[in-house]
Amino acid sequence: MKSIFIKIVFFISGIVILGGCIETFAPPEVTSNKTFLVVDGYLNIGEGSSIIRLSWTQNLTDESAWTYEQNAEVVVEGDKGSRFVFTEGSGGAYVLPQQIFNESENFRLSIKTSSGKEYQSDYVPYKKTPPIDSVAYKVAGDKSGVQVYVNTHDNTNQTKFYRWKFEETWQYQSALISSLEVQGEDIVFRTDDIHNCWKTMASTSILIGTSVKLSQDVIQDLPVTFVNASTNKLLIKYSILVKQFALTQDAFDYWTDLAKTTEATGGLFDPQPSLVTGNIHSITDSDDLVFGFFSATSMAQKRIFITPYLGFYPTCLPVDTLPKADAIASGDLIMSDYGYPDVQYITIPPSCGDCRLQGGTNVKPDFWR
């Protein structure tokens, strides 16, 4: 949610054609300094904490860091008298530890910002998510990548509307191995592995599905993502964690509209986007917009590992062969040494020998196997 709205107040496409000339249309909504609250999160009625993240929109010309709302009051209230107070964490996150909820209650979110603005959601029902049956994959016939699918069902026929998110984690390696490192004025064997790394990325697309037109509440082989071999995510080992959420029809309609607005537009003849705000409203100013949709649901998740060995190993060349003093002064990594007694050191660019420089970490994830 935050990644969709944080830079956008309104998305407006306008082209003015006069006398064969095209003029840029910059409506005031795009350049205005007015900001609106963005609410990202849900009441987790299953295992784990509930997290509500609050931030503020920015206009399209603002390149500063995201602005999070601090010192707010965040409360969830049940229509039968229950009340749950969230505690502020970091990065605009407000956290509620795992609780026991009354399944017969409806819940609403209330927010009071540090400046005194108050917001409130509609009441939403308790919606339990069925487990994921399986996460499967199929290697493309031309070896161009892997298509990932999800399967689920609800024997009670109560879910009907679903949403999925996913996290990808993959292992990768630097092109060359640095087996030596500089410590002070000496060169010693490297103790940390900077050849093997892991990188994790969360999905940003909106992935929804429904069985409402089927005789049974079954989702079969719904495409989650296509992992292209050209990304080298599939070269050593790849893992995907698929997260599933049950939705109400109102929530499904919201995510459907939001997907159309953020993903289906781009051309002159595409459907023009509309303003999608959700079920949260300002109770202090009816003209004050707020973006987000509050739900009370649980999360089901399933992880799989894939090792199709698709992609290409990176290549790199050593920089130089240097005596000890020059190797230390060079600032490059040291791949190995050779020769005796006049030892020489083979140096390599940091980008060739330190996998962490590609945005990952050399700390193996706890779940990795």
Protein backbone atom coordinates (compact mmCIF):
# COMPACT_ATOMS: atom_id res chain seq x y z
CA MET A 1 0.00 0.00 0.00
CA LYS A 2 2.66 2.51 1.05
CA SER A 3 4.71 1.88 -2.08
CA ILE A 4 1.63 2.58 -4.21
CA PHE A 5 0.46 5.78 -2.53
CA ILE A 6 3.46 7.35 -0.88
CA LYS A 7 4.49 9.38 -3.90
CA ILE A 8 1.04 9.90 -5.34
CA VAL A 9 -1.75 12.13 -4.15
CA PHE A 10 -3.72 11.82 -7.34
CA PHE A 11 -2.69 10.26 -10.64
CA ILE A 12 -4.08 12.44 -13.44
CA SER A 13 -3.27 12.04 -17.08
CA GLY A 14 -3.89 15.15 -19.15
CA ILE A 15 -2.91 16.16 -22.64
CA VAL A 16 -3.91 19.49 -24.11
CA ILE A 17 -3.57 19.72 -27.89
CA LEU A 18 -3.75 23.22 -29.34
CA GLY A 19 -2.68 24.09 -32.85
CA GLY A 20 -0.71 20.86 -33.23
CA CYS A 21 1.32 21.49 -30.01
CA ILE A 22 1.34 19.36 -26.85
CA GLU A 23 1.53 21.23 -23.56
CA THR A 24 2.33 19.69 -20.20
CA PHE A 25 -0.64 19.61 -17.85
CA ALA A 26 0.34 19.99 -14.19
CA PRO A 27 -2.81 20.09 -12.08
CA PRO A 28 -2.57 21.61 -8.61
CA GLU A 29 -3.26 18.22 -6.96
CA VAL A 30 0.09 16.95 -8.26
CA THR A 31 2.19 19.92 -7.12
CA SER A 32 0.23 20.85 -3.99
CA ASN A 33 2.00 20.73 -0.65
CA LYS A 34 -1.13 19.29 1.00
CA THR A 35 -0.56 15.79 2.32
CA PHE A 36 -2.94 12.96 3.14
CA LEU A 37 -2.71 10.06 5.56
CA VAL A 38 -1.83 6.59 4.26
CA VAL A 39 -2.86 3.60 6.41
CA ASP A 40 -1.22 0.27 5.66
CA GLY A 41 -2.05 -2.84 7.68
CA TYR A 42 -4.78 -5.03 9.11
CA LEU A 43 -5.98 -6.55 12.35
CA ASN A 44 -4.32 -9.97 12.49
CA ILE A 45 -6.85 -12.32 14.04
CA GLY A 46 -4.49 -15.28 13.63
CA GLU A 47 -0.96 -15.97 14.87
CA GLY A 48 1.43 -13.06 15.24
CA SER A 49 1.22 -9.34 15.92
CA SER A 50 -0.96 -6.79 14.16
CA ILE A 51 0.94 -3.91 12.55
CA ILE A 52 -0.61 -0.67 11.30
CA ARG A 53 1.82 1.65 9.50
CA LEU A 54 1.00 5.36 9.13
CA SER A 55 2.65 7.68 6.61
CA TRP A 56 1.85 10.74 4.54
CA THR A 57 1.56 11.25 0.81
CA GLN A 58 3.96 13.42 -1.15
CA ASN A 59 3.48 15.26 -4.42
CA LEU A 60 5.18 13.91 -7.52
CA THR A 61 7.97 16.51 -7.46
CA ASP A 62 9.02 15.79 -3.86
CA GLU A 63 12.08 13.52 -3.75
CA SER A 64 12.58 13.60 0.01
CA ALA A 65 12.27 10.54 2.24
CA TRP A 66 8.87 9.20 3.23
CA THR A 67 7.21 10.99 6.13
CA TYR A 68 5.91 8.66 8.82
CA GLU A 69 3.32 9.67 11.40
CA GLN A 70 4.76 9.63 14.89
CA ASN A 71 3.12 9.90 18.32
CA ALA A 72 -0.31 8.92 17.03
CA GLU A 73 -2.98 7.07 19.00
CA VAL A 74 -4.04 3.86 17.23
CA VAL A 75 -6.91 1.80 18.64
CA VAL A 76 -9.10 -1.04 17.35
CA GLU A 77 -12.59 -1.25 18.81
CA GLY A 78 -15.08 -4.10 18.66
CA ASP A 79 -18.81 -3.49 18.34
CA LYS A 80 -19.38 -5.56 21.50
CA GLY A 81 -17.12 -3.53 23.74
CA SER A 82 -13.59 -4.86 23.17
CA ARG A 83 -10.75 -2.36 22.80
CA PHE A 84 -7.13 -2.89 21.72
CA VAL A 85 -4.46 -0.18 21.99
CA PHE A 86 -1.44 -0.30 19.64
CA THR A 87 2.06 0.69 20.76
CA GLU A 88 4.28 2.84 18.56
CA GLY A 89 7.34 1.16 17.06
CA SER A 90 9.77 2.47 14.45
CA GLY A 91 9.18 3.69 10.91
CA GLY A 92 5.57 4.73 11.45
CA ALA A 93 4.59 1.24 12.67
CA TYR A 94 2.07 0.73 15.47
CA VAL A 95 2.05 -2.77 16.93
CA LEU A 96 -0.47 -4.91 18.80
CA PRO A 97 0.85 -8.23 20.20
CA GLN A 98 -1.10 -11.38 19.42
CA GLN A 99 -4.54 -11.35 21.05
CA ILE A 100 -7.61 -13.54 21.39
CA PHE A 101 -10.53 -12.00 19.49
CA ASN A 102 -14.27 -12.62 19.62
CA GLU A 103 -15.24 -14.13 16.26
CA SER A 104 -18.75 -12.69 16.51
CA GLU A 105 -17.49 -9.10 16.76
CA ASN A 106 -17.01 -6.53 14.04
CA PHE A 107 -13.99 -4.24 14.36
CA ARG A 108 -13.05 -0.71 13.40
CA LEU A 109 -9.79 1.23 13.42
CA SER A 110 -9.50 4.63 15.12
CA ILE A 111 -6.52 6.95 14.64
CA LYS A 112 -5.68 10.29 16.26
CA THR A 113 -2.59 11.93 14.81
CA SER A 114 -0.10 14.04 16.74
CA SER A 115 -1.70 17.17 15.25
CA GLY A 116 -5.16 16.20 16.52
CA LYS A 117 -6.67 14.88 13.28
CA GLU A 118 -8.99 11.92 13.81
CA TYR A 119 -9.78 9.09 11.43
CA GLN A 120 -12.02 6.07 11.70
CA SER A 121 -12.74 3.03 9.53
CA ASP A 122 -16.05 1.35 8.91
CA TYR A 123 -16.77 -1.72 11.02
CA VAL A 124 -15.45 -4.87 9.33
CA PRO A 125 -16.24 -8.52 10.14
CA TYR A 126 -13.85 -11.16 11.46
CA LYS A 127 -12.64 -13.04 8.36
CA LYS A 128 -10.58 -16.20 8.85
CA THR A 129 -8.21 -17.26 6.06
CA PRO A 130 -8.13 -20.93 4.98
CA PRO A 131 -4.72 -22.61 4.65
CA ILE A 132 -2.82 -22.69 1.37
CA ASP A 133 -3.05 -26.15 -0.17
CA SER A 134 0.13 -25.85 -2.20
CA VAL A 135 2.55 -23.56 -3.95
CA ALA A 136 3.70 -25.13 -7.20
CA TYR A 137 5.93 -24.13 -10.11
CA LYS A 138 6.61 -25.03 -13.71
CA VAL A 139 9.77 -24.39 -15.70
CA ALA A 140 9.03 -22.67 -19.01
CA GLY A 141 9.55 -24.85 -22.05
CA ASP A 142 12.18 -22.48 -23.44
CA LYS A 143 13.97 -22.36 -20.06
CA SER A 144 13.32 -18.62 -19.87
CA GLY A 145 12.11 -18.85 -16.30
CA VAL A 146 9.72 -20.39 -13.80
CA GLN A 147 6.00 -19.75 -13.30
CA VAL A 148 4.82 -19.99 -9.67
CA TYR A 149 1.21 -20.94 -8.83
CA VAL A 150 -0.90 -21.09 -5.66
CA ASN A 151 -3.75 -23.47 -4.82
CA THR A 152 -6.28 -23.16 -2.01
CA HIS A 153 -9.86 -23.98 -1.09
CA ASP A 154 -12.45 -23.46 1.64
CA ASN A 155 -14.71 -26.43 2.39
CA THR A 156 -17.20 -24.12 4.13
CA ASN A 157 -17.58 -21.94 1.00
CA GLN A 158 -17.24 -18.85 3.19
CA THR A 159 -14.11 -17.18 1.82
CA LYS A 160 -14.75 -16.57 -1.90
CA PHE A 161 -12.41 -13.55 -2.08
CA TYR A 162 -8.64 -13.77 -1.71
CA ARG A 163 -5.52 -11.67 -1.81
CA TRP A 164 -1.88 -12.82 -1.96
CA LYS A 165 1.51 -11.27 -1.29
CA PHE A 166 4.89 -12.92 -1.57
CA GLU A 167 8.54 -12.60 -0.61
CA GLU A 168 11.35 -13.88 -2.81
CA THR A 169 14.72 -14.91 -1.43
CA TRP A 170 17.56 -16.22 -3.55
CA GLN A 171 21.16 -17.21 -3.09
CA TYR A 172 23.81 -15.74 -5.37
CA GLN A 173 27.60 -15.53 -5.52
CA SER A 174 30.25 -13.01 -6.42
CA ALA A 175 32.13 -13.68 -9.64
CA LEU A 176 35.47 -14.27 -7.88
CA ILE A 177 36.50 -15.43 -4.41
CA SER A 178 38.54 -13.18 -2.13
CA SER A 179 40.39 -15.58 0.17
CA LEU A 180 42.68 -12.97 1.76
CA GLU A 181 42.06 -9.64 3.47
CA VAL A 182 44.03 -6.71 4.79
CA GLN A 183 44.25 -6.30 8.56
CA GLY A 184 46.33 -3.31 9.55
CA GLU A 185 49.66 -3.70 7.80
CA ASP A 186 49.31 -7.41 7.19
CA ILE A 187 47.48 -9.71 4.77
CA VAL A 188 45.74 -12.69 6.38
CA PHE A 189 43.27 -15.39 5.46
CA ARG A 190 39.71 -14.05 5.26
CA THR A 191 37.43 -15.35 8.01
CA ASP A 192 34.08 -14.11 6.69
CA ASP A 193 32.44 -15.48 3.57
CA ILE A 194 31.66 -12.64 1.15
CA HIS A 195 31.31 -14.97 -1.83
CA ASN A 196 27.83 -16.31 -0.94
CA CYS A 197 24.91 -13.94 -0.34
CA TRP A 198 21.15 -13.95 -0.04
CA LYS A 199 18.72 -11.26 -1.13
CA THR A 200 15.05 -10.85 -0.21
CA MET A 201 12.45 -8.76 -2.03
CA ALA A 202 8.76 -8.31 -1.25
CA SER A 203 6.09 -8.18 -3.93
CA THR A 204 4.64 -4.82 -4.91
CA SER A 205 1.92 -5.97 -7.30
CA ILE A 206 -1.71 -6.44 -6.28
CA LEU A 207 -2.67 -10.11 -6.61
CA ILE A 208 -6.30 -11.04 -5.98
CA GLY A 209 -8.67 -13.83 -6.97
CA THR A 210 -12.23 -14.99 -6.42
CA SER A 211 -14.22 -18.21 -6.67
CA VAL A 212 -17.57 -16.43 -6.52
CA LYS A 213 -18.62 -17.68 -9.96
CA LEU A 214 -17.66 -21.27 -9.21
CA SER A 215 -19.80 -23.97 -7.61
CA GLN A 216 -17.05 -24.61 -5.04
CA ASP A 217 -14.75 -22.25 -3.17
CA VAL A 218 -11.58 -23.41 -4.93
CA ILE A 219 -8.64 -21.48 -6.36
CA GLN A 220 -6.59 -23.68 -8.66
CA ASP A 221 -3.22 -22.85 -10.25
CA LEU A 222 -3.55 -19.10 -9.84
CA PRO A 223 -0.37 -17.49 -11.26
CA VAL A 224 1.60 -15.76 -8.52
CA THR A 225 4.70 -14.58 -10.36
CA PHE A 226 6.99 -15.45 -13.27
CA VAL A 227 10.64 -15.58 -12.25
CA ASN A 228 12.74 -14.70 -15.27
CA ALA A 229 15.99 -16.62 -15.66
CA SER A 230 17.71 -13.44 -16.85
CA THR A 231 17.50 -12.07 -13.27
CA ASN A 232 19.81 -14.89 -12.08
CA LYS A 233 17.46 -15.50 -9.14
CA LEU A 234 17.25 -19.13 -10.25
CA LEU A 235 20.96 -19.77 -10.71
CA ILE A 236 21.75 -21.43 -7.34
CA LYS A 237 18.67 -21.68 -5.11
CA TYR A 238 15.44 -19.68 -4.99
CA SER A 239 12.70 -19.58 -2.36
CA ILE A 240 9.29 -17.94 -2.38
CA LEU A 241 7.04 -17.37 0.63
CA VAL A 242 3.42 -16.92 -0.44
CA LYS A 243 1.06 -15.17 1.99
CA GLN A 244 -2.71 -15.53 1.66
CA PHE A 245 -5.49 -13.33 3.08
CA ALA A 246 -9.27 -13.79 3.08
CA LEU A 247 -11.16 -10.67 1.99
CA THR A 248 -14.66 -9.37 2.34
CA GLN A 249 -16.33 -8.41 -0.93
CA ASP A 250 -15.84 -4.72 -0.05
CA ALA A 251 -12.12 -5.31 0.43
CA PHE A 252 -11.94 -7.29 -2.81
CA ASP A 253 -13.65 -4.45 -4.68
CA TYR A 254 -11.20 -1.97 -3.16
CA TRP A 255 -8.12 -3.97 -4.21
CA THR A 256 -9.65 -4.54 -7.64
CA ASP A 257 -10.15 -0.81 -8.17
CA LEU A 258 -6.70 -0.05 -6.82
CA ALA A 259 -5.13 -2.59 -9.18
CA LYS A 260 -6.91 -1.00 -12.14
CA THR A 261 -5.71 2.43 -11.07
CA THR A 262 -2.09 1.57 -10.44
CA GLU A 263 -1.39 -1.22 -12.92
CA ALA A 264 -3.82 -1.11 -15.84
CA THR A 265 -3.18 2.43 -17.02
CA GLY A 266 -0.36 3.96 -18.97
CA GLY A 267 -1.63 4.49 -22.49
CA LEU A 268 -3.79 7.25 -23.93
CA PHE A 269 -6.64 4.84 -24.60
CA ASP A 270 -6.41 2.89 -21.36
CA PRO A 271 -9.21 3.40 -18.82
CA GLN A 272 -8.44 6.53 -16.87
CA PRO A 273 -7.78 6.05 -13.16
CA SER A 274 -10.17 7.05 -10.42
CA LEU A 275 -9.49 8.07 -6.82
CA VAL A 276 -9.41 4.98 -4.59
CA THR A 277 -9.53 5.80 -0.88
CA GLY A 278 -10.96 2.75 0.93
CA ASN A 279 -13.06 2.38 4.09
CA ILE A 280 -11.20 4.84 6.37
CA HIS A 281 -12.53 8.39 6.76
CA SER A 282 -11.67 11.62 8.51
CA ILE A 283 -14.09 12.48 11.31
CA THR A 284 -12.63 15.97 11.85
CA ASP A 285 -12.72 17.19 8.23
CA SER A 286 -14.94 15.58 5.60
CA ASP A 287 -12.73 17.00 2.83
CA ASP A 288 -9.58 15.40 4.25
CA LEU A 289 -8.74 12.28 2.26
CA VAL A 290 -7.16 9.15 3.73
CA PHE A 291 -5.84 6.20 1.73
CA GLY A 292 -6.08 2.59 2.85
CA PHE A 293 -8.45 -0.25 3.69
CA PHE A 294 -8.80 -1.75 7.15
CA SER A 295 -9.56 -5.48 7.43
CA ALA A 296 -9.73 -8.03 10.24
CA THR A 297 -8.30 -11.25 8.88
CA SER A 298 -5.67 -13.91 9.43
CA MET A 299 -2.75 -14.87 7.23
CA ALA A 300 -1.90 -18.28 5.82
CA GLN A 301 1.53 -18.82 4.32
CA LYS A 302 3.61 -21.49 2.60
CA ARG A 303 7.23 -21.53 1.44
CA ILE A 304 8.86 -23.59 -1.29
CA PHE A 305 12.43 -23.89 -2.58
CA ILE A 306 13.34 -24.15 -6.26
CA THR A 307 16.68 -25.20 -7.77
CA PRO A 308 16.29 -25.17 -11.58
CA TYR A 309 19.82 -23.79 -12.14
CA LEU A 310 18.77 -21.29 -14.79
CA GLY A 311 20.88 -18.23 -15.57
CA PHE A 312 24.49 -17.30 -16.15
CA TYR A 313 27.39 -17.02 -13.74
CA PRO A 314 28.91 -13.52 -13.66
CA THR A 315 32.41 -13.00 -15.01
CA CYS A 316 35.20 -10.71 -13.81
CA LEU A 317 38.94 -10.30 -14.35
CA PRO A 318 41.63 -9.62 -11.73
CA VAL A 319 42.96 -6.08 -11.59
CA ASP A 320 46.66 -6.66 -11.04
CA THR A 321 49.44 -8.73 -9.47
CA LEU A 322 51.20 -6.67 -6.79
CA PRO A 323 53.76 -6.96 -4.01
CA LYS A 324 52.40 -6.81 -0.46
CA ALA A 325 52.73 -3.06 0.18
CA ASP A 326 51.16 -2.14 -3.14
CA ALA A 327 48.33 -4.65 -2.67
CA ILE A 328 47.50 -3.15 0.73
CA ALA A 329 47.58 0.40 -0.65
CA SER A 330 45.46 -0.43 -3.71
CA GLY A 331 42.17 -0.66 -1.84
CA ASP A 332 41.12 -3.64 -3.96
CA LEU A 333 40.22 -7.05 -2.63
CA ILE A 334 42.84 -9.78 -2.65
CA MET A 335 41.96 -13.02 -4.36
CA SER A 336 45.08 -15.07 -3.57
CA ASP A 337 48.85 -15.03 -3.41
CA TYR A 338 51.59 -16.96 -5.18
CA GLY A 339 55.38 -17.18 -5.37
CA TYR A 340 58.12 -17.57 -2.76
CA PRO A 341 60.05 -15.81 -1.32
CA ASP A 342 58.90 -12.80 -3.34
CA VAL A 343 55.17 -13.23 -2.67
CA GLN A 344 52.79 -11.52 -5.10
CA TYR A 345 49.08 -10.85 -4.52
CA ILE A 346 46.33 -11.04 -7.13
CA THR A 347 43.93 -8.14 -6.61
CA ILE A 348 40.34 -7.93 -7.83
CA PRO A 349 37.69 -5.16 -7.90
CA PRO A 350 35.44 -5.12 -4.81
CA SER A 351 32.38 -5.51 -7.07
CA CYS A 352 33.83 -8.81 -8.32
CA GLY A 353 34.60 -10.33 -4.94
CA ASP A 354 32.10 -8.94 -2.41
CA CYS A 355 28.57 -10.19 -3.01
CA ARG A 356 27.18 -7.74 -0.45
CA LEU A 357 27.76 -4.89 -2.91
CA GLN A 358 24.85 -6.28 -4.98
CA GLY A 359 22.37 -5.39 -2.25
CA GLY A 360 22.22 -8.69 -0.38
CA THR A 361 23.62 -10.03 2.88
CA ASN A 362 26.15 -12.75 3.58
CA VAL A 363 24.14 -13.86 6.62
CA LYS A 364 22.22 -17.01 5.73
CA PRO A 365 18.47 -16.68 6.54
CA ASP A 366 17.25 -18.85 9.41
CA PHE A 367 14.76 -20.63 7.14
CA TRP A 368 17.32 -21.48 4.45
CA ARG A 369 17.95 -25.15 3.78
